[in-house]
Amino acid sequence: MTDSVTRIFSETFGINPGEVTDELSPANFPKWDSLKSILLMALLQKAFSVEFSASEIIAMRSVGLIRRVLRRKGLS
């Protein structure tokens, strides 16, 4: 799951996979705006065949928190 999350972030934001860390968030990465957030959630849901609740989406404020939500959904 970690490699897939990294790949999705890398492709969505046009950055090197090595730049994708658990600390990456909208607060420290200006390219991560509201429109990219919507696209990112859609891509993650499709890639992992899951649906996120509104509260999960709100909680996913960094790459690390996204990985945590995905683990809670049984993905590893």
Protein backbone atom coordinates (compact mmCIF):
# COMPACT_ATOMS: atom_id res chain seq x y z
CA MET A 1 0.00 0.00 0.00
CA THR A 2 2.82 2.41 0.84
CA ASP A 3 4.33 2.17 -2.66
CA SER A 4 0.93 2.75 -4.25
CA VAL A 5 0.26 5.82 -2.10
CA THR A 6 3.69 7.19 -3.00
CA ARG A 7 3.08 6.56 -6.71
CA ILE A 8 -0.35 8.25 -6.61
CA PHE A 9 1.10 11.31 -4.86
CA SER A 10 4.06 11.46 -7.21
CA GLU A 11 1.87 11.30 -10.31
CA THR A 12 -0.82 13.64 -8.98
CA PHE A 13 1.59 16.37 -7.95
CA GLY A 14 4.31 15.77 -10.53
CA ILE A 15 7.03 15.22 -7.93
CA ASN A 16 9.77 12.67 -7.41
CA PRO A 17 8.64 9.67 -5.30
CA GLY A 18 11.51 10.44 -2.92
CA GLU A 19 9.81 13.72 -2.02
CA VAL A 20 6.71 11.92 -0.73
CA THR A 21 7.07 11.63 3.04
CA ASP A 22 4.56 11.01 5.81
CA GLU A 23 4.95 14.67 6.82
CA LEU A 24 3.88 16.01 3.40
CA SER A 25 0.68 18.02 3.86
CA PRO A 26 -1.20 21.00 2.45
CA ALA A 27 0.41 23.11 5.18
CA ASN A 28 3.93 22.54 3.83
CA PHE A 29 3.27 21.76 0.16
CA PRO A 30 1.56 24.58 -1.80
CA LYS A 31 0.68 22.34 -4.77
CA TRP A 32 -1.72 20.43 -2.47
CA ASP A 33 -4.75 22.70 -2.83
CA SER A 34 -8.47 21.98 -2.52
CA LEU A 35 -8.86 20.82 -6.13
CA LYS A 36 -5.88 18.47 -5.85
CA SER A 37 -7.37 17.14 -2.59
CA ILE A 38 -10.56 16.15 -4.39
CA LEU A 39 -8.61 14.51 -7.20
CA LEU A 40 -6.35 12.75 -4.72
CA MET A 41 -9.28 11.31 -2.74
CA ALA A 42 -10.92 10.05 -5.94
CA LEU A 43 -7.68 8.42 -7.13
CA LEU A 44 -7.07 6.79 -3.75
CA GLN A 45 -10.63 5.45 -3.57
CA LYS A 46 -10.33 3.99 -7.05
CA ALA A 47 -6.84 2.54 -6.54
CA PHE A 48 -7.74 0.81 -3.28
CA SER A 49 -11.42 0.06 -3.98
CA VAL A 50 -12.54 1.89 -0.84
CA GLU A 51 -14.84 4.76 0.02
CA PHE A 52 -13.94 7.48 2.49
CA SER A 53 -16.43 9.07 4.83
CA ALA A 54 -16.51 12.84 5.20
CA SER A 55 -14.81 12.55 8.60
CA GLU A 56 -12.05 10.36 7.15
CA ILE A 57 -11.41 12.86 4.35
CA ILE A 58 -11.20 15.71 6.86
CA ALA A 59 -8.77 13.69 9.00
CA MET A 60 -6.46 12.93 6.06
CA ARG A 61 -4.29 16.05 6.41
CA SER A 62 -0.96 14.44 5.52
CA VAL A 63 0.46 11.46 3.68
CA GLY A 64 1.01 9.70 7.00
CA LEU A 65 -2.60 10.24 8.07
CA ILE A 66 -3.82 8.97 4.69
CA ARG A 67 -1.78 5.80 5.18
CA ARG A 68 -3.26 5.43 8.68
CA VAL A 69 -6.83 5.66 7.34
CA LEU A 70 -6.03 3.09 4.65
CA ARG A 71 -4.55 0.73 7.28
CA ARG A 72 -7.72 1.07 9.34
CA LYS A 73 -9.61 -0.08 6.26
CA GLY A 74 -7.54 -3.27 6.27
CA LEU A 75 -4.95 -2.31 3.68
CA SER A 76 -1.29 -2.86 4.38
